[in-house]
Every structure is written in structure tokens, then in C-alpha cells.
Amino acid sequence: MKPDEITPFALIDMSIYTEAGFIQSVYRNDLTRRISVPVYNETSQEVTRTISFTASQSYTSNVSLTSTYAKNAFTAGVTVGSSWSNTYSDSDSVTQKIPPHKYSWMEYTPNMSNSYGTMHEEVWNFDGFTNVKIVDKTYFLDVYIAKPGNAGLPDGLYTVKESSTKPN
């Protein structure tokens, strides 16, 4: 191929995220989940047992942020910067007194930051001859961002639960 036969090519990303609001701390009760196996006290005496648990949390969104354009635009426009994409995960244990014939386990409710606003994805293909807009869409974006907590665990409420019946 001769130099004058080379076709110039460029993808130009003009996507932008306009943050309408940012809330630093939101407890996501809809994401509450059990993070340990239930420990059962089969005896007729109160016993002390160790409950080991693992918690993990990343961002959640009303729209899948799979395109590089949306991710880059969101990162540039969100209040907390690029940390929106981090996943926080770790394990720990707690010593708990369990009454006779009861189950005990750990539950986790994430505490996250929330950014919401308008995403406009616009990407052009410039090939030197025909300039084509290959992405052009605008939508509301609502993203909850995981935060680090203590000892490497994700931020949130860690609650020991107790019941006479085994949890699901």
C-alpha cells in the first residue's frame, strides 16, 4: 500500500455526563443480604460461637456501563472521580452468644454514594471521507458507588441476626 492510499481513521468520543446531584451516604436496604452461613446452637445452653463472613460490593446502576464511552464520560463527570468502579471485598469474623436452639448469622446492608444525572453518548467515526456518528443517545443515569469501610470491608451495616428457623 502506498502512503497516499492510507485512509485516515479516528474515533472521536464527545460523550459527557452531567451530574444533577450527588448524595454522599445512602443505605441500600434493597441490597441487604446474608453474608455468612447460619450457625446453629443445638444445645440447651447458651453458647459462644464465631461467625465468619465475607462482604463484597461494587457499583450498581440503572444502566449497564459496558461502553468505554459511558465509563469515561461518567468518570470525568462524577463528584467522586474514578473510584466509582472499585469493588471492595474482605472477610472477617465476630464472636457471638447464641441462645439454645437458635440460628445466628451475619447480614450486610451497603452504604453507598449516589450520583445521578444525564448521560449523553456521542461518538464519531472520522475516516477522511465520510464522517459518521456511530453513537448518539441520551439517558438518565443513576449510579450507586461502593465505599471502603473499616479493615478493608465495604462500608455498610453489619448486623448479627437470630431466629428459631434456618434462614434462606
N, C-alpha and C. Protein backbone atom coordinates (compact mmCIF):
# COMPACT_ATOMS: atom_id res chain seq x y z
N MET A 1 0.84 -1.17 0.00
CA MET A 1 0.00 0.00 0.00
C MET A 1 0.89 1.24 0.00
N LYS A 2 0.59 2.18 -0.85
CA LYS A 2 1.36 3.43 -0.94
C LYS A 2 0.84 4.41 0.12
N PRO A 3 1.68 5.32 0.58
CA PRO A 3 1.27 6.27 1.61
C PRO A 3 0.02 7.06 1.24
N ASP A 4 -0.18 7.39 -0.06
CA ASP A 4 -1.36 8.17 -0.44
C ASP A 4 -2.63 7.32 -0.49
N GLU A 5 -2.49 5.99 -0.30
CA GLU A 5 -3.65 5.11 -0.29
C GLU A 5 -4.14 4.80 1.13
N ILE A 6 -3.41 5.29 2.13
CA ILE A 6 -3.79 5.04 3.52
C ILE A 6 -4.97 5.94 3.88
N THR A 7 -5.99 5.33 4.38
CA THR A 7 -7.19 6.09 4.77
C THR A 7 -7.06 6.49 6.23
N PRO A 8 -7.12 7.82 6.51
CA PRO A 8 -7.08 8.23 7.91
C PRO A 8 -8.34 7.75 8.63
N PHE A 9 -8.18 7.44 9.91
CA PHE A 9 -9.31 6.91 10.68
C PHE A 9 -9.18 7.39 12.12
N ALA A 10 -10.27 7.87 12.66
CA ALA A 10 -10.24 8.29 14.06
C ALA A 10 -11.63 8.17 14.66
N LEU A 11 -11.69 7.66 15.88
CA LEU A 11 -12.93 7.67 16.65
C LEU A 11 -12.83 8.85 17.62
N ILE A 12 -13.80 9.72 17.55
CA ILE A 12 -13.84 10.88 18.42
C ILE A 12 -14.99 10.70 19.40
N ASP A 13 -14.65 10.66 20.68
CA ASP A 13 -15.65 10.48 21.73
C ASP A 13 -16.00 11.84 22.31
N MET A 14 -17.24 12.25 22.11
CA MET A 14 -17.71 13.54 22.62
C MET A 14 -18.75 13.33 23.72
N SER A 15 -18.72 12.16 24.36
CA SER A 15 -19.69 11.82 25.40
C SER A 15 -19.47 12.70 26.63
N ILE A 16 -20.58 12.99 27.34
CA ILE A 16 -20.49 13.82 28.54
C ILE A 16 -21.55 13.38 29.55
N TYR A 17 -21.13 13.37 30.81
CA TYR A 17 -22.06 13.09 31.90
C TYR A 17 -22.26 14.38 32.67
N THR A 18 -23.52 14.79 32.83
CA THR A 18 -23.86 15.99 33.59
C THR A 18 -24.53 15.55 34.89
N GLU A 19 -23.78 15.68 35.96
CA GLU A 19 -24.27 15.23 37.26
C GLU A 19 -25.30 16.24 37.79
N ALA A 20 -26.52 15.77 38.03
CA ALA A 20 -27.58 16.63 38.57
C ALA A 20 -27.52 16.66 40.09
N GLY A 21 -27.05 15.57 40.70
CA GLY A 21 -26.98 15.52 42.15
C GLY A 21 -26.04 14.44 42.64
N PHE A 22 -25.57 14.62 43.86
CA PHE A 22 -24.67 13.65 44.48
C PHE A 22 -25.03 13.55 45.96
N ILE A 23 -25.27 12.32 46.42
CA ILE A 23 -25.58 12.06 47.82
C ILE A 23 -24.45 11.19 48.37
N GLN A 24 -23.79 11.68 49.41
CA GLN A 24 -22.61 11.00 49.95
C GLN A 24 -22.91 9.66 50.60
N SER A 25 -24.07 9.54 51.26
CA SER A 25 -24.34 8.34 52.05
C SER A 25 -25.79 7.88 51.89
N VAL A 26 -25.96 6.69 51.30
CA VAL A 26 -27.29 6.10 51.11
C VAL A 26 -27.22 4.64 51.54
N TYR A 27 -28.06 4.24 52.49
CA TYR A 27 -28.14 2.82 52.86
C TYR A 27 -29.06 2.12 51.88
N ARG A 28 -28.56 1.09 51.21
CA ARG A 28 -29.31 0.37 50.19
C ARG A 28 -29.98 -0.85 50.81
N ASN A 29 -31.13 -0.64 51.47
CA ASN A 29 -31.86 -1.75 52.10
C ASN A 29 -32.28 -2.81 51.09
N ASP A 30 -32.48 -2.40 49.83
CA ASP A 30 -32.86 -3.36 48.80
C ASP A 30 -31.72 -4.31 48.44
N LEU A 31 -30.51 -4.02 48.90
CA LEU A 31 -29.35 -4.89 48.65
C LEU A 31 -28.90 -5.66 49.90
N THR A 32 -29.71 -5.60 50.97
CA THR A 32 -29.37 -6.34 52.19
C THR A 32 -29.33 -7.83 51.89
N ARG A 33 -28.30 -8.49 52.40
CA ARG A 33 -28.15 -9.93 52.13
C ARG A 33 -27.39 -10.60 53.27
N ARG A 34 -27.61 -11.91 53.35
CA ARG A 34 -26.88 -12.72 54.34
C ARG A 34 -25.48 -12.95 53.79
N ILE A 35 -24.46 -12.75 54.64
CA ILE A 35 -23.07 -12.89 54.19
C ILE A 35 -22.29 -13.95 54.96
N SER A 36 -23.03 -14.78 55.72
CA SER A 36 -22.37 -15.89 56.42
C SER A 36 -23.30 -17.10 56.40
N VAL A 37 -22.73 -18.23 56.72
CA VAL A 37 -23.57 -19.41 56.90
C VAL A 37 -24.27 -19.27 58.25
N PRO A 38 -25.48 -19.79 58.38
CA PRO A 38 -26.14 -19.75 59.68
C PRO A 38 -25.47 -20.75 60.64
N VAL A 39 -25.23 -20.30 61.85
CA VAL A 39 -24.63 -21.15 62.88
C VAL A 39 -25.75 -21.54 63.85
N TYR A 40 -25.88 -22.83 64.11
CA TYR A 40 -26.99 -23.32 64.94
C TYR A 40 -26.47 -23.79 66.29
N ASN A 41 -27.17 -23.42 67.35
CA ASN A 41 -26.87 -23.93 68.69
C ASN A 41 -27.86 -25.05 68.99
N GLU A 42 -27.40 -26.29 68.92
CA GLU A 42 -28.26 -27.45 69.13
C GLU A 42 -28.39 -27.81 70.61
N THR A 43 -27.67 -27.11 71.48
CA THR A 43 -27.69 -27.45 72.91
C THR A 43 -28.82 -26.72 73.64
N SER A 44 -28.97 -27.04 74.93
CA SER A 44 -29.97 -26.36 75.76
C SER A 44 -29.34 -25.23 76.58
N GLN A 45 -28.08 -24.93 76.29
CA GLN A 45 -27.36 -23.85 76.97
C GLN A 45 -26.95 -22.78 75.95
N GLU A 46 -26.80 -21.55 76.40
CA GLU A 46 -26.26 -20.51 75.52
C GLU A 46 -24.80 -20.86 75.22
N VAL A 47 -24.40 -20.71 73.96
CA VAL A 47 -23.01 -20.99 73.57
C VAL A 47 -22.43 -19.77 72.86
N THR A 48 -21.13 -19.68 72.88
CA THR A 48 -20.43 -18.62 72.15
C THR A 48 -19.77 -19.26 70.93
N ARG A 49 -20.07 -18.71 69.76
CA ARG A 49 -19.53 -19.24 68.51
C ARG A 49 -18.96 -18.09 67.66
N THR A 50 -18.06 -18.45 66.79
CA THR A 50 -17.50 -17.48 65.86
C THR A 50 -18.26 -17.57 64.54
N ILE A 51 -18.72 -16.42 64.07
CA ILE A 51 -19.40 -16.34 62.78
C ILE A 51 -18.45 -15.66 61.80
N SER A 52 -18.02 -16.40 60.80
CA SER A 52 -17.13 -15.85 59.77
C SER A 52 -17.98 -15.37 58.60
N PHE A 53 -17.59 -14.23 58.03
CA PHE A 53 -18.37 -13.67 56.93
C PHE A 53 -17.47 -13.01 55.90
N THR A 54 -17.99 -12.88 54.70
CA THR A 54 -17.32 -12.19 53.60
C THR A 54 -18.31 -11.23 52.96
N ALA A 55 -17.89 -9.98 52.78
CA ALA A 55 -18.74 -8.98 52.15
C ALA A 55 -18.02 -8.41 50.94
N SER A 56 -18.78 -8.18 49.87
CA SER A 56 -18.24 -7.60 48.65
C SER A 56 -19.28 -6.66 48.06
N GLN A 57 -18.82 -5.50 47.57
CA GLN A 57 -19.75 -4.55 46.97
C GLN A 57 -19.03 -3.73 45.90
N SER A 58 -19.69 -3.57 44.77
CA SER A 58 -19.21 -2.69 43.71
C SER A 58 -20.34 -1.74 43.37
N TYR A 59 -20.17 -0.97 42.29
CA TYR A 59 -21.22 -0.02 41.93
C TYR A 59 -22.46 -0.75 41.40
N THR A 60 -23.60 -0.10 41.50
CA THR A 60 -24.82 -0.58 40.86
C THR A 60 -25.38 0.59 40.07
N SER A 61 -26.08 0.28 38.98
CA SER A 61 -26.56 1.34 38.11
C SER A 61 -27.87 0.93 37.45
N ASN A 62 -28.67 1.92 37.07
CA ASN A 62 -29.90 1.65 36.34
C ASN A 62 -29.61 1.32 34.88
N VAL A 63 -28.40 1.58 34.43
CA VAL A 63 -27.98 1.31 33.05
C VAL A 63 -26.64 0.59 33.12
N SER A 64 -26.45 -0.41 32.29
CA SER A 64 -25.18 -1.13 32.25
C SER A 64 -24.10 -0.22 31.67
N LEU A 65 -23.05 0.00 32.44
CA LEU A 65 -21.95 0.83 31.95
C LEU A 65 -20.91 -0.05 31.26
N THR A 66 -21.31 -0.62 30.14
CA THR A 66 -20.39 -1.51 29.43
C THR A 66 -19.59 -0.78 28.37
N SER A 67 -20.12 0.31 27.83
CA SER A 67 -19.37 1.01 26.78
C SER A 67 -18.26 1.86 27.41
N THR A 68 -17.12 1.87 26.76
CA THR A 68 -15.99 2.67 27.21
C THR A 68 -16.37 4.14 27.21
N TYR A 69 -17.19 4.56 26.26
CA TYR A 69 -17.59 5.97 26.16
C TYR A 69 -18.34 6.40 27.41
N ALA A 70 -19.32 5.60 27.83
CA ALA A 70 -20.10 5.94 29.02
C ALA A 70 -19.22 5.92 30.26
N LYS A 71 -18.35 4.92 30.38
CA LYS A 71 -17.48 4.83 31.55
C LYS A 71 -16.56 6.05 31.65
N ASN A 72 -15.95 6.42 30.53
CA ASN A 72 -15.04 7.56 30.54
C ASN A 72 -15.77 8.86 30.85
N ALA A 73 -16.94 9.05 30.25
CA ALA A 73 -17.70 10.27 30.49
C ALA A 73 -18.17 10.34 31.94
N PHE A 74 -18.62 9.21 32.48
CA PHE A 74 -19.08 9.18 33.87
C PHE A 74 -17.91 9.49 34.81
N THR A 75 -16.78 8.86 34.59
CA THR A 75 -15.60 9.07 35.42
C THR A 75 -15.21 10.55 35.44
N ALA A 76 -15.28 11.20 34.30
CA ALA A 76 -14.91 12.61 34.21
C ALA A 76 -15.93 13.52 34.90
N GLY A 77 -17.20 13.10 34.94
CA GLY A 77 -18.25 13.99 35.44
C GLY A 77 -18.73 13.75 36.85
N VAL A 78 -18.37 12.63 37.45
CA VAL A 78 -18.91 12.31 38.77
C VAL A 78 -18.08 12.99 39.88
N THR A 79 -18.73 13.36 40.95
CA THR A 79 -18.10 14.07 42.06
C THR A 79 -16.93 13.30 42.66
N VAL A 80 -17.05 11.98 42.81
CA VAL A 80 -16.00 11.21 43.48
C VAL A 80 -14.89 10.75 42.56
N GLY A 81 -14.91 11.14 41.30
CA GLY A 81 -13.85 10.75 40.37
C GLY A 81 -13.93 9.29 39.98
N SER A 82 -12.80 8.68 39.69
CA SER A 82 -12.79 7.35 39.11
C SER A 82 -13.05 6.22 40.10
N SER A 83 -13.17 6.51 41.39
CA SER A 83 -13.36 5.45 42.37
C SER A 83 -14.72 4.75 42.24
N TRP A 84 -15.58 5.26 41.37
CA TRP A 84 -16.90 4.65 41.18
C TRP A 84 -16.78 3.20 40.75
N SER A 85 -15.70 2.82 40.11
CA SER A 85 -15.60 1.47 39.54
C SER A 85 -14.96 0.47 40.49
N ASN A 86 -14.54 0.88 41.67
CA ASN A 86 -13.89 -0.04 42.60
C ASN A 86 -14.87 -1.03 43.21
N THR A 87 -14.35 -2.23 43.48
CA THR A 87 -15.09 -3.23 44.25
C THR A 87 -14.34 -3.42 45.56
N TYR A 88 -15.07 -3.35 46.66
CA TYR A 88 -14.48 -3.55 47.98
C TYR A 88 -14.94 -4.90 48.49
N SER A 89 -13.99 -5.70 48.95
CA SER A 89 -14.31 -7.06 49.38
C SER A 89 -13.31 -7.51 50.43
N ASP A 90 -13.82 -8.14 51.48
CA ASP A 90 -12.93 -8.69 52.51
C ASP A 90 -13.73 -9.63 53.40
N SER A 91 -13.01 -10.33 54.26
CA SER A 91 -13.61 -11.28 55.19
C SER A 91 -13.26 -10.88 56.62
N ASP A 92 -14.11 -11.29 57.54
CA ASP A 92 -13.85 -11.04 58.96
C ASP A 92 -14.66 -12.06 59.76
N SER A 93 -14.63 -11.94 61.07
CA SER A 93 -15.44 -12.82 61.91
C SER A 93 -15.84 -12.07 63.17
N VAL A 94 -16.87 -12.56 63.81
CA VAL A 94 -17.37 -11.96 65.04
C VAL A 94 -17.72 -13.11 65.99
N THR A 95 -17.45 -12.91 67.28
CA THR A 95 -17.82 -13.89 68.28
C THR A 95 -19.18 -13.50 68.84
N GLN A 96 -20.11 -14.46 68.85
CA GLN A 96 -21.50 -14.16 69.20
C GLN A 96 -22.05 -15.20 70.16
N LYS A 97 -22.81 -14.73 71.15
CA LYS A 97 -23.53 -15.66 72.03
C LYS A 97 -24.82 -16.06 71.33
N ILE A 98 -25.05 -17.37 71.25
CA ILE A 98 -26.22 -17.89 70.56
C ILE A 98 -27.09 -18.64 71.57
N PRO A 99 -28.36 -18.23 71.71
CA PRO A 99 -29.26 -18.90 72.64
C PRO A 99 -29.54 -20.35 72.21
N PRO A 100 -30.04 -21.16 73.11
CA PRO A 100 -30.34 -22.57 72.79
C PRO A 100 -31.34 -22.68 71.63
N HIS A 101 -31.07 -23.61 70.75
CA HIS A 101 -31.95 -23.96 69.63
C HIS A 101 -32.26 -22.77 68.72
N LYS A 102 -31.24 -21.93 68.51
CA LYS A 102 -31.38 -20.77 67.64
C LYS A 102 -30.29 -20.78 66.57
N TYR A 103 -30.62 -20.18 65.43
CA TYR A 103 -29.65 -19.93 64.37
C TYR A 103 -29.17 -18.50 64.51
N SER A 104 -27.92 -18.26 64.14
CA SER A 104 -27.37 -16.91 64.14
C SER A 104 -26.51 -16.74 62.89
N TRP A 105 -26.56 -15.56 62.26
CA TRP A 105 -25.82 -15.29 61.04
C TRP A 105 -25.60 -13.79 60.91
N MET A 106 -24.78 -13.41 59.94
CA MET A 106 -24.45 -12.01 59.69
C MET A 106 -25.14 -11.55 58.41
N GLU A 107 -25.72 -10.33 58.46
CA GLU A 107 -26.30 -9.69 57.28
C GLU A 107 -25.56 -8.39 57.01
N TYR A 108 -25.57 -7.98 55.74
CA TYR A 108 -24.88 -6.77 55.32
C TYR A 108 -25.82 -5.89 54.50
N THR A 109 -25.87 -4.59 54.85
CA THR A 109 -26.61 -3.59 54.09
C THR A 109 -25.60 -2.55 53.62
N PRO A 110 -25.38 -2.40 52.31
CA PRO A 110 -24.37 -1.46 51.81
C PRO A 110 -24.72 0.00 52.10
N ASN A 111 -23.70 0.77 52.42
CA ASN A 111 -23.78 2.23 52.50
C ASN A 111 -22.98 2.75 51.31
N MET A 112 -23.66 3.44 50.38
CA MET A 112 -23.03 3.82 49.13
C MET A 112 -23.24 5.31 48.86
N SER A 113 -22.44 5.86 47.97
CA SER A 113 -22.68 7.20 47.45
C SER A 113 -23.55 7.07 46.22
N ASN A 114 -24.31 8.14 45.91
CA ASN A 114 -25.22 8.09 44.77
C ASN A 114 -25.00 9.32 43.88
N SER A 115 -24.72 9.06 42.61
CA SER A 115 -24.61 10.12 41.61
C SER A 115 -25.71 9.90 40.59
N TYR A 116 -26.42 10.95 40.24
CA TYR A 116 -27.47 10.83 39.22
C TYR A 116 -27.42 12.05 38.31
N GLY A 117 -27.77 11.80 37.06
CA GLY A 117 -27.75 12.89 36.09
C GLY A 117 -28.03 12.38 34.69
N THR A 118 -27.60 13.16 33.71
CA THR A 118 -27.87 12.86 32.31
C THR A 118 -26.58 12.44 31.62
N MET A 119 -26.65 11.32 30.93
CA MET A 119 -25.53 10.83 30.13
C MET A 119 -25.85 11.06 28.66
N HIS A 120 -24.94 11.72 27.97
CA HIS A 120 -25.07 11.86 26.51
C HIS A 120 -23.85 11.21 25.89
N GLU A 121 -24.09 10.09 25.21
CA GLU A 121 -23.01 9.40 24.50
C GLU A 121 -23.04 9.83 23.05
N GLU A 122 -21.91 10.38 22.58
CA GLU A 122 -21.79 10.80 21.18
C GLU A 122 -20.40 10.42 20.69
N VAL A 123 -20.35 9.54 19.70
CA VAL A 123 -19.08 9.06 19.16
C VAL A 123 -19.14 9.18 17.64
N TRP A 124 -18.10 9.77 17.08
CA TRP A 124 -17.99 9.97 15.64
C TRP A 124 -16.86 9.12 15.07
N ASN A 125 -17.07 8.62 13.85
CA ASN A 125 -16.05 7.92 13.09
C ASN A 125 -15.62 8.86 11.96
N PHE A 126 -14.40 9.39 12.08
CA PHE A 126 -13.86 10.25 11.03
C PHE A 126 -12.89 9.42 10.20
N ASP A 127 -13.24 9.19 8.94
CA ASP A 127 -12.37 8.37 8.09
C ASP A 127 -11.75 9.18 6.96
N GLY A 128 -11.93 10.48 6.97
CA GLY A 128 -11.34 11.32 5.93
C GLY A 128 -12.28 11.59 4.77
N PHE A 129 -13.32 10.79 4.62
CA PHE A 129 -14.25 10.96 3.50
C PHE A 129 -15.68 11.16 4.01
N THR A 130 -16.15 10.19 4.77
CA THR A 130 -17.49 10.29 5.34
C THR A 130 -17.35 10.30 6.85
N ASN A 131 -17.92 11.28 7.45
CA ASN A 131 -17.88 11.37 8.90
C ASN A 131 -19.23 10.89 9.41
N VAL A 132 -19.20 9.83 10.19
CA VAL A 132 -20.43 9.17 10.60
C VAL A 132 -20.53 9.17 12.13
N LYS A 133 -21.69 9.58 12.63
CA LYS A 133 -21.95 9.50 14.06
C LYS A 133 -22.40 8.06 14.33
N ILE A 134 -21.59 7.31 15.10
CA ILE A 134 -21.90 5.89 15.33
C ILE A 134 -22.64 5.66 16.64
N VAL A 135 -22.56 6.60 17.58
CA VAL A 135 -23.32 6.51 18.82
C VAL A 135 -23.90 7.89 19.10
N ASP A 136 -25.19 7.94 19.37
CA ASP A 136 -25.84 9.20 19.72
C ASP A 136 -27.06 8.88 20.57
N LYS A 137 -26.89 8.90 21.88
CA LYS A 137 -28.02 8.62 22.75
C LYS A 137 -27.88 9.39 24.06
N THR A 138 -29.02 9.75 24.63
CA THR A 138 -29.08 10.48 25.88
C THR A 138 -30.03 9.75 26.81
N TYR A 139 -29.64 9.61 28.08
CA TYR A 139 -30.49 8.90 29.03
C TYR A 139 -30.15 9.33 30.46
N PHE A 140 -31.10 9.06 31.37
CA PHE A 140 -30.90 9.32 32.79
C PHE A 140 -30.02 8.23 33.36
N LEU A 141 -29.05 8.61 34.16
CA LEU A 141 -28.12 7.66 34.76
C LEU A 141 -28.18 7.81 36.28
N ASP A 142 -28.36 6.69 36.97
CA ASP A 142 -28.45 6.66 38.42
C ASP A 142 -27.47 5.59 38.90
N VAL A 143 -26.35 6.02 39.49
CA VAL A 143 -25.29 5.09 39.87
C VAL A 143 -25.03 5.18 41.37
N TYR A 144 -24.99 4.01 42.01
CA TYR A 144 -24.62 3.91 43.41
C TYR A 144 -23.19 3.39 43.47
N ILE A 145 -22.35 4.06 44.26
CA ILE A 145 -20.92 3.83 44.25
C ILE A 145 -20.49 3.23 45.59
N ALA A 146 -19.86 2.07 45.54
CA ALA A 146 -19.37 1.41 46.76
C ALA A 146 -18.29 2.27 47.41
N LYS A 147 -18.23 2.20 48.75
CA LYS A 147 -17.24 2.95 49.51
C LYS A 147 -16.46 2.00 50.41
N PRO A 148 -15.20 2.31 50.67
CA PRO A 148 -14.44 1.47 51.61
C PRO A 148 -14.89 1.73 53.03
N GLY A 149 -14.91 0.67 53.83
CA GLY A 149 -15.25 0.79 55.24
C GLY A 149 -14.04 0.49 56.09
N ASN A 150 -14.27 -0.08 57.24
CA ASN A 150 -13.17 -0.43 58.15
C ASN A 150 -12.53 -1.75 57.76
N ALA A 151 -11.24 -1.84 57.98
CA ALA A 151 -10.48 -3.09 57.83
C ALA A 151 -10.64 -3.73 56.45
N GLY A 152 -10.82 -2.92 55.41
CA GLY A 152 -10.93 -3.45 54.06
C GLY A 152 -12.32 -3.88 53.64
N LEU A 153 -13.25 -3.96 54.58
CA LEU A 153 -14.62 -4.33 54.27
C LEU A 153 -15.33 -3.16 53.57
N PRO A 154 -16.34 -3.45 52.75
CA PRO A 154 -17.11 -2.36 52.17
C PRO A 154 -17.93 -1.66 53.25
N ASP A 155 -18.17 -0.37 53.08
CA ASP A 155 -18.94 0.41 54.04
C ASP A 155 -20.37 -0.10 54.10
N GLY A 156 -20.94 -0.12 55.29
CA GLY A 156 -22.33 -0.55 55.43
C GLY A 156 -22.65 -0.99 56.84
N LEU A 157 -23.86 -1.49 57.01
CA LEU A 157 -24.31 -2.01 58.30
C LEU A 157 -24.09 -3.52 58.34
N TYR A 158 -23.41 -3.99 59.36
CA TYR A 158 -23.18 -5.41 59.58
C TYR A 158 -23.99 -5.79 60.81
N THR A 159 -24.96 -6.67 60.64
CA THR A 159 -25.90 -6.99 61.70
C THR A 159 -25.93 -8.49 61.95
N VAL A 160 -25.81 -8.87 63.22
CA VAL A 160 -25.97 -10.27 63.58
C VAL A 160 -27.47 -10.51 63.75
N LYS A 161 -28.00 -11.50 63.05
CA LYS A 161 -29.42 -11.86 63.12
C LYS A 161 -29.58 -13.18 63.85
N GLU A 162 -30.78 -13.39 64.35
CA GLU A 162 -31.07 -14.60 65.13
C GLU A 162 -32.50 -15.06 64.85
N SER A 163 -32.68 -16.39 64.78
CA SER A 163 -34.01 -16.93 64.50
C SER A 163 -34.09 -18.37 64.97
N SER A 164 -35.33 -18.83 65.20
CA SER A 164 -35.56 -20.24 65.53
C SER A 164 -35.56 -21.11 64.29
N THR A 165 -35.75 -20.48 63.13
CA THR A 165 -35.78 -21.22 61.87
C THR A 165 -34.55 -20.85 61.04
N LYS A 166 -34.11 -21.79 60.23
CA LYS A 166 -32.96 -21.59 59.38
C LYS A 166 -33.29 -20.57 58.29
N PRO A 167 -32.43 -19.55 58.08
CA PRO A 167 -32.70 -18.55 57.03
C PRO A 167 -32.49 -19.13 55.63
N ASN A 168 -33.14 -18.50 54.67
CA ASN A 168 -32.97 -18.92 53.25
C ASN A 168 -31.63 -18.51 52.74
